[in-house]
Amino acid sequence: MSTCSFSTVRSLMETREFVWTRRHVVSLGLLCLAQVLDSVDVTIVNVALPAIQDDLGFSTANLSWVINAYMVVFGGFLLLGGRLGDLYGHRRVLLAGVALFTAASAAAGFAQSDWALVAARVVQGLGAALIAPMTLALIALIFPEGPPRNRAFAIWGAATGAASTVGLIAGGLFADGPGWRWIFFVNLPIGLLLLVAGRLLVGGERPARTSRGFDLLGALTSTAGVGLLAYAVLQTDANAWSSARTLTLLAVAAVLLAYFALHETRIAREPLVPIRLFQNRSLLGANVIQALRGAAMFAVFYFATLYLQGVLGYSAVVTGLAYVPLTVILIAASVLGPRLVRRFGIGLVIAAGSLVTAGGLLMFTRLSPGGTLMADVMPPLLVVGLGLGVIVVPLTTAALTGVPPSSSGVASSLLNVSAQLGGALGLAVLSAVAVRATASAPAGSVEGLVAGYRLGFGVAAGLMAVVVVIALAVLRNRREES
């Protein structure tokens, strides 16, 4: 997905200690492409939902399951996917995930009923849960700690950021052009390319196993607990947080996760998540920060999109194009991140980037019903993109620093789980806050809607302020030698 030439990438990543080869470039490109397969899918489906509803006859209540079926399974199986990679080989599990995702994309494209599409989305989510942690784990295995790994993460982060915006634009273009089915068919050539070229990946074919057991009960309770928690949050658009249904789902999820924690620490002989990982201060801090960052990022896309389409009246395609400058600056900032880490250290860079992000979110609190894209939306978008982009690489580096190769898959999964659950929980809370502010305004009032968006952005800014404190207090202010 990167437009950089081989010589440019090579010059970015060569160091005195690490010998860079053409196969490393190809491996990184394939891993970025695999991550893009997942990242595009998260956003590409959203703008095509009205067309899908009209064609397959989804009810309004059931339409959200085109998104939720994917997200619940994806979030629920991430830990299991990461551990499978550690036990049976990261490359093998990655390619298995790609095969599942590709086959499910074909089934989704050919679906003739609502239930068939939802079933295909379930399998897509399972494939994505195998892909996402393996891309990070393989990068951590291929590139040693320090500048080589940081720069690889920078390119990976740039591809991931670009994919999200590409998904928004492509979804609108396909829905208005050849039809919504092509949002799934477009995955087929990418998936087939990855399956054919997968043998070119450096390493990852043999698991670094230190045990012979598999924690089946831990896998079941973590998958059920995380999946049920994700479902409980996602269904709050139809059932209030205080409803008996939501409270019951949350209580059952809490019991399952509490037992999972007890099982891993006191019972399991070969735990799904090795306890030694939680003794890693850097990993713990990075995951908490990732959850808060996910909440802020989800809030930006959610509230800004509602404002652009619902208040300013822009189409889905134009809204997607409005995010292109955000993507450009996010990519540029993610490349800048490793250089800043070498000079100032991980903790300071994450704190500074989070402070900039909080400032951009506060700029959004000036939105008004009579605003414009260029004056009211674009400036804060660019500031947020700069702040979030700078912390991509330091945050990923912090989460995998000191993690042994035998646990890189599950450590990567933890980071993905933190992002997904943090984003989902955070957005649910922020949207509830926004709805309450809107409800206090006269019915149908545009000013009331905008007031809700402003409050949502303000609370998100508060979350990023908390990240600043955590980064300075918890993360070691380590500098990377160039």
Protein backbone atom coordinates (compact mmCIF):
# COMPACT_ATOMS: atom_id res chain seq x y z
CA MET A 1 0.00 0.00 0.00
CA SER A 2 2.99 2.29 0.36
CA THR A 3 4.03 4.42 -2.60
CA CYS A 4 7.63 4.56 -1.40
CA SER A 5 10.23 3.01 -3.70
CA PHE A 6 12.38 0.14 -2.49
CA SER A 7 15.42 2.41 -2.17
CA THR A 8 13.47 4.90 -0.05
CA VAL A 9 12.21 2.23 2.33
CA ARG A 10 15.66 0.69 2.53
CA SER A 11 17.30 4.01 3.39
CA LEU A 12 14.72 4.56 6.13
CA MET A 13 15.36 1.25 7.78
CA GLU A 14 19.08 0.49 7.50
CA THR A 15 21.02 0.61 10.76
CA ARG A 16 24.52 -0.39 11.83
CA GLU A 17 23.25 -3.48 13.66
CA PHE A 18 20.61 -4.73 11.25
CA VAL A 19 21.25 -5.99 7.72
CA TRP A 20 18.27 -5.15 5.55
CA THR A 21 17.43 -7.31 2.52
CA ARG A 22 14.89 -7.21 -0.27
CA ARG A 23 13.02 -10.07 1.39
CA HIS A 24 12.57 -7.96 4.53
CA VAL A 25 10.99 -5.24 2.39
CA VAL A 26 8.66 -7.78 0.77
CA SER A 27 7.77 -9.27 4.15
CA LEU A 28 6.91 -5.88 5.60
CA GLY A 29 4.86 -5.03 2.52
CA LEU A 30 2.87 -8.25 2.81
CA LEU A 31 2.26 -7.72 6.52
CA CYS A 32 1.04 -4.17 5.85
CA LEU A 33 -1.23 -5.52 3.12
CA ALA A 34 -2.65 -8.13 5.50
CA GLN A 35 -3.38 -5.45 8.08
CA VAL A 36 -4.95 -3.26 5.37
CA LEU A 37 -7.31 -6.15 4.55
CA ASP A 38 -8.70 -5.88 8.08
CA SER A 39 -8.48 -2.09 8.51
CA VAL A 40 -10.33 -1.30 5.27
CA ASP A 41 -13.14 -3.66 6.19
CA VAL A 42 -13.80 -1.84 9.46
CA THR A 43 -14.79 1.35 7.63
CA ILE A 44 -15.76 0.33 4.10
CA VAL A 45 -19.01 -1.35 5.17
CA ASN A 46 -20.40 1.60 7.14
CA VAL A 47 -21.25 3.90 4.24
CA ALA A 48 -22.84 1.05 2.23
CA LEU A 49 -25.35 0.07 4.94
CA PRO A 50 -28.37 1.86 3.36
CA ALA A 51 -27.81 0.04 0.04
CA ILE A 52 -27.41 -3.30 1.84
CA GLN A 53 -30.64 -2.70 3.76
CA ASP A 54 -32.60 -1.93 0.59
CA ASP A 55 -31.26 -4.93 -1.31
CA LEU A 56 -31.44 -7.66 1.35
CA GLY A 57 -34.42 -6.40 3.32
CA PHE A 58 -32.75 -5.84 6.68
CA SER A 59 -34.98 -4.39 9.36
CA THR A 60 -33.73 -1.23 11.01
CA ALA A 61 -33.12 -3.12 14.23
CA ASN A 62 -31.12 -5.89 12.54
CA LEU A 63 -29.05 -3.74 10.17
CA SER A 64 -26.48 -2.97 12.85
CA TRP A 65 -25.55 -6.66 12.89
CA VAL A 66 -23.76 -6.23 9.58
CA ILE A 67 -21.21 -4.34 11.71
CA ASN A 68 -21.74 -5.91 15.12
CA ALA A 69 -21.39 -9.54 14.01
CA TYR A 70 -17.92 -8.75 12.75
CA MET A 71 -16.86 -6.67 15.75
CA VAL A 72 -18.12 -9.08 18.43
CA VAL A 73 -16.32 -12.10 16.93
CA PHE A 74 -13.23 -10.07 16.12
CA GLY A 75 -12.92 -8.77 19.67
CA GLY A 76 -13.78 -12.09 21.26
CA PHE A 77 -11.26 -14.23 19.39
CA LEU A 78 -8.24 -11.89 19.41
CA LEU A 79 -6.58 -13.39 22.47
CA LEU A 80 -7.12 -16.91 21.20
CA GLY A 81 -5.80 -15.94 17.78
CA GLY A 82 -2.65 -14.48 19.26
CA ARG A 83 -1.99 -17.54 21.41
CA LEU A 84 -2.52 -19.91 18.48
CA GLY A 85 0.21 -18.06 16.64
CA ASP A 86 2.60 -18.44 19.55
CA LEU A 87 1.90 -22.17 19.72
CA TYR A 88 1.55 -23.23 16.10
CA GLY A 89 3.47 -20.66 14.09
CA HIS A 90 2.70 -17.01 13.35
CA ARG A 91 2.94 -17.29 9.57
CA ARG A 92 0.74 -20.39 9.52
CA VAL A 93 -1.97 -18.73 11.62
CA LEU A 94 -1.76 -15.51 9.59
CA LEU A 95 -2.34 -17.36 6.32
CA ALA A 96 -5.17 -19.37 7.89
CA GLY A 97 -6.80 -16.08 8.88
CA VAL A 98 -6.34 -14.67 5.38
CA ALA A 99 -7.91 -17.81 3.86
CA LEU A 100 -10.92 -17.56 6.20
CA PHE A 101 -11.32 -13.83 5.58
CA THR A 102 -11.09 -14.23 1.79
CA ALA A 103 -13.59 -17.09 1.65
CA ALA A 104 -16.00 -15.21 3.91
CA SER A 105 -15.66 -12.08 1.74
CA ALA A 106 -16.74 -14.09 -1.30
CA ALA A 107 -19.69 -15.49 0.65
CA ALA A 108 -20.68 -11.97 1.80
CA GLY A 109 -20.51 -10.66 -1.75
CA PHE A 110 -22.80 -13.40 -3.04
CA ALA A 111 -25.20 -13.32 -0.04
CA GLN A 112 -28.85 -13.38 -1.01
CA SER A 113 -30.40 -12.89 2.42
CA ASP A 114 -29.80 -10.95 5.59
CA TRP A 115 -28.89 -14.02 7.64
CA ALA A 116 -26.39 -15.21 5.01
CA LEU A 117 -24.59 -11.86 5.08
CA VAL A 118 -24.45 -11.80 8.88
CA ALA A 119 -23.09 -15.37 8.93
CA ALA A 120 -20.38 -14.39 6.44
CA ARG A 121 -19.49 -11.40 8.60
CA VAL A 122 -19.05 -13.71 11.61
CA VAL A 123 -16.47 -15.74 9.69
CA GLN A 124 -14.80 -12.54 8.48
CA GLY A 125 -14.45 -11.44 12.10
CA LEU A 126 -12.85 -14.77 12.99
CA GLY A 127 -10.37 -14.42 10.13
CA ALA A 128 -9.55 -10.87 11.16
CA ALA A 129 -8.93 -12.02 14.76
CA LEU A 130 -6.19 -14.29 13.40
CA ILE A 131 -4.74 -11.68 11.04
CA ALA A 132 -4.48 -8.61 13.26
CA PRO A 133 -2.25 -9.96 16.07
CA MET A 134 -0.08 -11.91 13.64
CA THR A 135 0.96 -8.85 11.64
CA LEU A 136 2.32 -7.14 14.75
CA ALA A 137 3.83 -10.34 16.12
CA LEU A 138 5.68 -11.09 12.88
CA ILE A 139 7.06 -7.56 12.69
CA ALA A 140 8.31 -7.96 16.26
CA LEU A 141 9.94 -11.26 15.31
CA ILE A 142 11.49 -10.09 12.03
CA PHE A 143 12.88 -6.77 13.24
CA PRO A 144 14.98 -6.41 16.42
CA GLU A 145 14.09 -3.90 19.14
CA GLY A 146 15.26 -0.38 18.45
CA PRO A 147 15.24 1.68 15.24
CA PRO A 148 14.65 -1.27 12.84
CA ARG A 149 11.46 -2.34 14.62
CA ASN A 150 10.33 1.25 15.23
CA ARG A 151 10.63 2.14 11.56
CA ALA A 152 8.85 -1.04 10.53
CA PHE A 153 6.02 -0.14 12.90
CA ALA A 154 5.97 3.37 11.39
CA ILE A 155 5.35 1.97 7.91
CA TRP A 156 2.80 -0.50 9.29
CA GLY A 157 1.01 2.32 11.13
CA ALA A 158 0.99 4.51 8.02
CA ALA A 159 -0.60 1.73 5.97
CA THR A 160 -3.20 1.11 8.68
CA GLY A 161 -4.11 4.79 8.90
CA ALA A 162 -4.39 5.14 5.14
CA ALA A 163 -6.58 2.03 4.93
CA SER A 164 -9.23 3.47 7.26
CA THR A 165 -9.74 6.52 5.03
CA VAL A 166 -9.55 4.46 1.85
CA GLY A 167 -12.34 2.33 3.29
CA LEU A 168 -14.60 5.35 3.84
CA ILE A 169 -14.06 6.60 0.29
CA ALA A 170 -14.22 3.20 -1.40
CA GLY A 171 -17.41 2.26 0.43
CA GLY A 172 -19.19 5.32 -0.94
CA LEU A 173 -17.83 4.83 -4.45
CA PHE A 174 -18.80 1.16 -4.61
CA ALA A 175 -22.25 1.79 -3.12
CA ASP A 176 -22.95 4.56 -5.66
CA GLY A 177 -21.25 2.71 -8.55
CA PRO A 178 -21.07 -1.04 -9.23
CA GLY A 179 -22.95 -1.90 -6.05
CA TRP A 180 -22.40 -2.75 -2.39
CA ARG A 181 -21.29 -6.34 -3.15
CA TRP A 182 -17.99 -4.99 -4.42
CA ILE A 183 -17.02 -3.81 -0.95
CA PHE A 184 -16.52 -7.53 -0.28
CA PHE A 185 -15.33 -8.68 -3.70
CA VAL A 186 -12.44 -6.20 -3.55
CA ASN A 187 -10.94 -8.34 -0.78
CA LEU A 188 -10.58 -11.39 -3.04
CA PRO A 189 -7.53 -10.38 -5.13
CA ILE A 190 -5.77 -9.04 -2.02
CA GLY A 191 -6.41 -12.24 -0.10
CA LEU A 192 -5.29 -14.47 -2.97
CA LEU A 193 -2.10 -12.43 -3.41
CA LEU A 194 -1.28 -12.83 0.28
CA LEU A 195 -1.89 -16.58 0.17
CA VAL A 196 0.32 -17.04 -2.89
CA ALA A 197 3.10 -14.75 -1.63
CA GLY A 198 2.95 -15.85 2.01
CA ARG A 199 5.92 -18.18 1.63
CA LEU A 200 8.09 -15.08 1.09
CA LEU A 201 7.57 -13.92 4.69
CA VAL A 202 10.75 -13.92 6.74
CA GLY A 203 10.47 -16.34 9.66
CA GLY A 204 7.33 -17.19 11.59
CA GLU A 205 6.93 -20.66 10.09
CA ARG A 206 8.13 -22.53 13.17
CA PRO A 207 6.64 -21.75 16.57
CA ALA A 208 9.01 -21.02 19.43
CA ARG A 209 7.16 -23.38 21.77
CA THR A 210 8.22 -23.79 25.36
CA SER A 211 5.25 -25.91 26.35
CA ARG A 212 3.09 -28.69 25.01
CA GLY A 213 -0.21 -27.74 26.57
CA PHE A 214 -3.06 -25.54 25.47
CA ASP A 215 -5.31 -23.71 27.92
CA LEU A 216 -8.67 -24.66 26.42
CA LEU A 217 -10.75 -23.42 29.38
CA GLY A 218 -8.87 -20.12 29.39
CA ALA A 219 -9.47 -19.77 25.67
CA LEU A 220 -13.19 -20.45 26.05
CA THR A 221 -13.74 -18.10 29.01
CA SER A 222 -11.69 -15.24 27.53
CA THR A 223 -13.37 -15.54 24.14
CA ALA A 224 -16.85 -15.71 25.66
CA GLY A 225 -16.14 -12.93 28.16
CA VAL A 226 -14.60 -10.46 25.71
CA GLY A 227 -17.15 -11.29 23.00
CA LEU A 228 -20.07 -10.86 25.39
CA LEU A 229 -18.64 -7.57 26.68
CA ALA A 230 -18.31 -6.30 23.11
CA TYR A 231 -21.88 -7.40 22.35
CA ALA A 232 -23.22 -5.78 25.52
CA VAL A 233 -21.68 -2.46 24.53
CA LEU A 234 -22.69 -2.61 20.87
CA GLN A 235 -26.34 -3.39 21.61
CA THR A 236 -26.76 -0.29 23.81
CA ASP A 237 -27.96 1.63 20.76
CA ALA A 238 -31.19 -0.39 21.09
CA ASN A 239 -31.15 -1.12 24.84
CA ALA A 240 -30.24 1.50 27.44
CA TRP A 241 -27.26 1.02 29.74
CA SER A 242 -29.66 0.79 32.68
CA SER A 243 -31.90 -1.84 31.03
CA ALA A 244 -32.14 -5.32 32.52
CA ARG A 245 -30.78 -6.84 29.30
CA THR A 246 -27.65 -4.69 29.23
CA LEU A 247 -26.95 -5.07 32.94
CA THR A 248 -27.35 -8.86 32.70
CA LEU A 249 -25.00 -9.09 29.72
CA LEU A 250 -22.41 -6.94 31.47
CA ALA A 251 -22.70 -9.00 34.68
CA VAL A 252 -22.21 -12.31 32.84
CA ALA A 253 -19.26 -10.87 30.91
CA ALA A 254 -17.73 -9.65 34.18
CA VAL A 255 -18.11 -13.09 35.78
CA LEU A 256 -16.50 -14.82 32.79
CA LEU A 257 -13.58 -12.39 32.71
CA ALA A 258 -13.12 -12.58 36.48
CA TYR A 259 -12.96 -16.35 36.28
CA PHE A 260 -10.54 -16.08 33.36
CA ALA A 261 -8.23 -13.93 35.49
CA LEU A 262 -8.48 -16.41 38.39
CA HIS A 263 -7.93 -19.37 36.08
CA GLU A 264 -4.86 -17.82 34.46
CA THR A 265 -3.23 -16.82 37.75
CA ARG A 266 -4.11 -19.76 40.02
CA ILE A 267 -5.29 -22.79 38.05
CA ALA A 268 -3.96 -23.08 34.49
CA ARG A 269 -0.69 -24.99 34.11
CA GLU A 270 -0.08 -23.42 30.67
CA PRO A 271 -2.04 -20.14 30.77
CA LEU A 272 -3.39 -18.56 27.60
CA VAL A 273 -1.89 -15.24 28.72
CA PRO A 274 1.41 -15.83 30.55
CA ILE A 275 1.33 -14.06 33.91
CA ARG A 276 4.84 -12.72 33.37
CA LEU A 277 3.40 -10.37 30.72
CA PHE A 278 1.49 -8.48 33.41
CA GLN A 279 4.74 -7.88 35.26
CA ASN A 280 5.85 -5.84 32.25
CA ARG A 281 5.19 -2.23 33.28
CA SER A 282 5.63 -0.97 29.73
CA LEU A 283 3.10 -3.45 28.31
CA LEU A 284 0.49 -2.62 30.96
CA GLY A 285 0.83 1.12 30.50
CA ALA A 286 0.70 0.82 26.72
CA ASN A 287 -2.52 -1.20 26.82
CA VAL A 288 -4.29 1.27 29.11
CA ILE A 289 -3.18 4.11 26.84
CA GLN A 290 -4.29 2.16 23.76
CA ALA A 291 -7.78 1.77 25.21
CA LEU A 292 -8.10 5.51 25.89
CA ARG A 293 -6.61 6.36 22.50
CA GLY A 294 -9.12 4.03 20.84
CA ALA A 295 -11.99 5.82 22.55
CA ALA A 296 -10.74 9.20 21.33
CA MET A 297 -10.15 7.94 17.78
CA PHE A 298 -13.61 6.35 17.53
CA ALA A 299 -15.12 9.60 18.82
CA VAL A 300 -13.42 11.67 16.11
CA PHE A 301 -14.75 9.56 13.24
CA TYR A 302 -18.19 9.14 14.82
CA PHE A 303 -19.00 12.71 15.84
CA ALA A 304 -17.21 14.39 12.93
CA THR A 305 -19.04 12.16 10.43
CA LEU A 306 -22.42 12.88 12.03
CA TYR A 307 -21.66 16.60 11.97
CA LEU A 308 -20.51 16.61 8.34
CA GLN A 309 -23.46 14.59 7.04
CA GLY A 310 -26.26 15.38 9.50
CA VAL A 311 -25.59 19.09 10.07
CA LEU A 312 -23.58 20.32 7.10
CA GLY A 313 -25.31 17.98 4.63
CA TYR A 314 -22.31 16.40 2.89
CA SER A 315 -22.61 13.05 1.09
CA ALA A 316 -20.84 9.88 2.23
CA VAL A 317 -18.22 10.18 -0.53
CA VAL A 318 -17.42 13.82 0.25
CA THR A 319 -17.24 12.98 3.96
CA GLY A 320 -14.74 10.23 3.19
CA LEU A 321 -12.65 12.62 1.10
CA ALA A 322 -12.66 15.09 3.99
CA TYR A 323 -10.61 12.59 5.98
CA VAL A 324 -7.83 12.40 3.38
CA PRO A 325 -5.81 15.31 4.88
CA LEU A 326 -6.14 13.65 8.30
CA THR A 327 -4.67 10.45 6.84
CA VAL A 328 -1.81 12.29 5.15
CA ILE A 329 -0.72 14.06 8.33
CA LEU A 330 -1.22 10.90 10.41
CA ILE A 331 1.11 9.00 8.06
CA ALA A 332 3.71 11.76 8.11
CA ALA A 333 3.55 11.98 11.90
CA SER A 334 3.86 8.20 12.32
CA VAL A 335 7.10 8.28 10.30
CA LEU A 336 8.31 11.13 12.50
CA GLY A 337 7.54 9.20 15.69
CA PRO A 338 10.65 6.94 15.74
CA ARG A 339 12.97 9.94 15.28
CA LEU A 340 11.36 11.71 18.21
CA VAL A 341 11.66 8.57 20.36
CA ARG A 342 15.40 8.39 19.67
CA ARG A 343 15.79 11.95 20.87
CA PHE A 344 13.26 12.32 23.68
CA GLY A 345 12.20 8.81 24.74
CA ILE A 346 8.95 6.85 24.55
CA GLY A 347 7.17 8.36 27.55
CA LEU A 348 7.74 11.99 26.58
CA VAL A 349 6.75 11.44 22.94
CA ILE A 350 3.49 9.69 23.87
CA ALA A 351 2.71 12.41 26.42
CA ALA A 352 3.41 15.19 23.90
CA GLY A 353 1.40 13.51 21.14
CA SER A 354 -1.52 12.94 23.51
CA LEU A 355 -1.43 16.56 24.61
CA VAL A 356 -1.59 17.69 20.99
CA THR A 357 -4.51 15.30 20.40
CA ALA A 358 -6.35 16.68 23.41
CA GLY A 359 -5.86 20.18 22.01
CA GLY A 360 -7.36 19.17 18.68
CA LEU A 361 -10.35 17.58 20.39
CA LEU A 362 -10.90 20.78 22.38
CA MET A 363 -10.90 22.72 19.10
CA PHE A 364 -13.89 20.58 18.06
CA THR A 365 -15.85 21.95 21.02
CA ARG A 366 -16.26 25.19 19.02
CA LEU A 367 -18.50 23.53 16.40
CA SER A 368 -21.70 25.37 15.53
CA PRO A 369 -24.76 24.66 13.35
CA GLY A 370 -23.54 27.22 10.84
CA GLY A 371 -19.97 25.96 10.61
CA THR A 372 -18.00 24.99 7.52
CA LEU A 373 -15.69 22.13 6.63
CA MET A 374 -12.57 24.20 6.05
CA ALA A 375 -12.95 26.57 8.99
CA ASP A 376 -14.45 24.38 11.71
CA VAL A 377 -13.64 20.73 10.93
CA MET A 378 -10.39 20.60 8.98
CA PRO A 379 -8.11 22.46 11.46
CA PRO A 380 -8.95 20.24 14.46
CA LEU A 381 -8.83 17.14 12.25
CA LEU A 382 -5.26 17.98 11.26
CA VAL A 383 -4.21 18.66 14.85
CA VAL A 384 -5.74 15.37 16.02
CA GLY A 385 -4.05 13.53 13.14
CA LEU A 386 -0.69 14.98 14.11
CA GLY A 387 -1.06 13.97 17.76
CA LEU A 388 -2.40 10.48 17.12
CA GLY A 389 0.15 9.80 14.39
CA VAL A 390 3.13 10.69 16.55
CA ILE A 391 2.20 8.13 19.23
CA VAL A 392 1.48 5.15 16.92
CA VAL A 393 5.02 3.78 16.86
CA PRO A 394 6.04 4.59 20.46
CA LEU A 395 2.86 2.98 21.76
CA THR A 396 3.33 -0.21 19.74
CA THR A 397 6.99 -0.31 20.73
CA ALA A 398 6.13 0.08 24.41
CA ALA A 399 3.59 -2.75 24.21
CA LEU A 400 6.12 -5.22 22.77
CA THR A 401 9.29 -4.09 24.54
CA GLY A 402 10.75 -6.89 26.63
CA VAL A 403 8.19 -9.44 25.39
CA PRO A 404 9.80 -12.82 24.54
CA PRO A 405 9.22 -14.21 21.01
CA SER A 406 7.15 -17.06 22.45
CA SER A 407 4.58 -14.52 23.71
CA SER A 408 4.66 -11.92 20.92
CA GLY A 409 1.37 -13.12 19.45
CA VAL A 410 -0.64 -12.86 22.65
CA ALA A 411 1.03 -9.52 23.52
CA SER A 412 -0.03 -8.18 20.12
CA SER A 413 -3.51 -9.53 20.74
CA LEU A 414 -3.73 -7.66 24.04
CA LEU A 415 -2.94 -4.41 22.25
CA ASN A 416 -5.64 -5.11 19.66
CA VAL A 417 -8.17 -6.07 22.33
CA SER A 418 -7.41 -2.85 24.21
CA ALA A 419 -7.97 -0.80 21.06
CA GLN A 420 -11.22 -2.53 20.12
CA LEU A 421 -12.81 -2.68 23.56
CA GLY A 422 -11.51 0.75 24.53
CA GLY A 423 -12.91 2.19 21.34
CA ALA A 424 -16.26 0.42 21.66
CA LEU A 425 -16.73 1.15 25.37
CA GLY A 426 -15.46 4.69 25.03
CA LEU A 427 -17.68 5.47 22.07
CA ALA A 428 -20.72 3.99 23.82
CA VAL A 429 -20.09 6.19 26.85
CA LEU A 430 -19.31 9.29 24.78
CA SER A 431 -22.38 8.83 22.57
CA ALA A 432 -24.55 8.38 25.68
CA VAL A 433 -23.13 11.63 27.07
CA ALA A 434 -23.84 13.37 23.77
CA VAL A 435 -27.40 12.01 23.61
CA ARG A 436 -28.10 13.28 27.14
CA ALA A 437 -26.88 16.75 26.19
CA THR A 438 -29.00 16.66 23.04
CA ALA A 439 -32.08 15.53 24.98
CA SER A 440 -31.94 18.68 27.11
CA ALA A 441 -32.42 20.82 23.96
CA PRO A 442 -35.76 21.35 22.16
CA ALA A 443 -36.83 18.32 20.09
CA GLY A 444 -35.38 18.33 16.59
CA SER A 445 -33.02 21.18 17.41
CA VAL A 446 -29.83 21.21 15.33
CA GLU A 447 -28.20 23.24 18.08
CA GLY A 448 -29.01 20.41 20.47
CA LEU A 449 -27.29 17.88 18.20
CA VAL A 450 -24.20 20.03 17.89
CA ALA A 451 -24.15 20.63 21.65
CA GLY A 452 -24.05 16.87 22.12
CA TYR A 453 -21.16 16.53 19.67
CA ARG A 454 -19.27 19.31 21.43
CA LEU A 455 -19.67 17.61 24.79
CA GLY A 456 -18.54 14.27 23.33
CA PHE A 457 -15.39 15.85 21.95
CA GLY A 458 -14.75 17.59 25.27
CA VAL A 459 -14.93 14.35 27.24
CA ALA A 460 -12.65 12.67 24.67
CA ALA A 461 -10.14 15.47 25.23
CA GLY A 462 -10.27 14.67 28.94
CA LEU A 463 -9.42 11.04 28.20
CA MET A 464 -6.33 12.10 26.25
CA ALA A 465 -5.31 14.32 29.17
CA VAL A 466 -5.37 11.18 31.33
CA VAL A 467 -3.09 9.52 28.76
CA VAL A 468 -0.56 12.33 29.26
CA VAL A 469 -0.40 11.56 32.99
CA ILE A 470 -0.11 7.79 32.44
CA ALA A 471 2.63 8.17 29.84
CA LEU A 472 4.76 10.33 32.13
CA ALA A 473 4.13 8.24 35.26
CA VAL A 474 4.20 4.68 33.95
CA LEU A 475 6.19 4.41 30.74
CA ARG A 476 9.93 4.35 31.02
CA ASN A 477 11.38 7.37 29.25
CA ARG A 478 13.68 5.19 27.22
CA ARG A 479 15.58 6.53 24.23
CA GLU A 480 16.45 4.38 21.24
CA GLU A 481 19.94 4.58 19.91
CA SER A 482 20.20 5.35 16.24
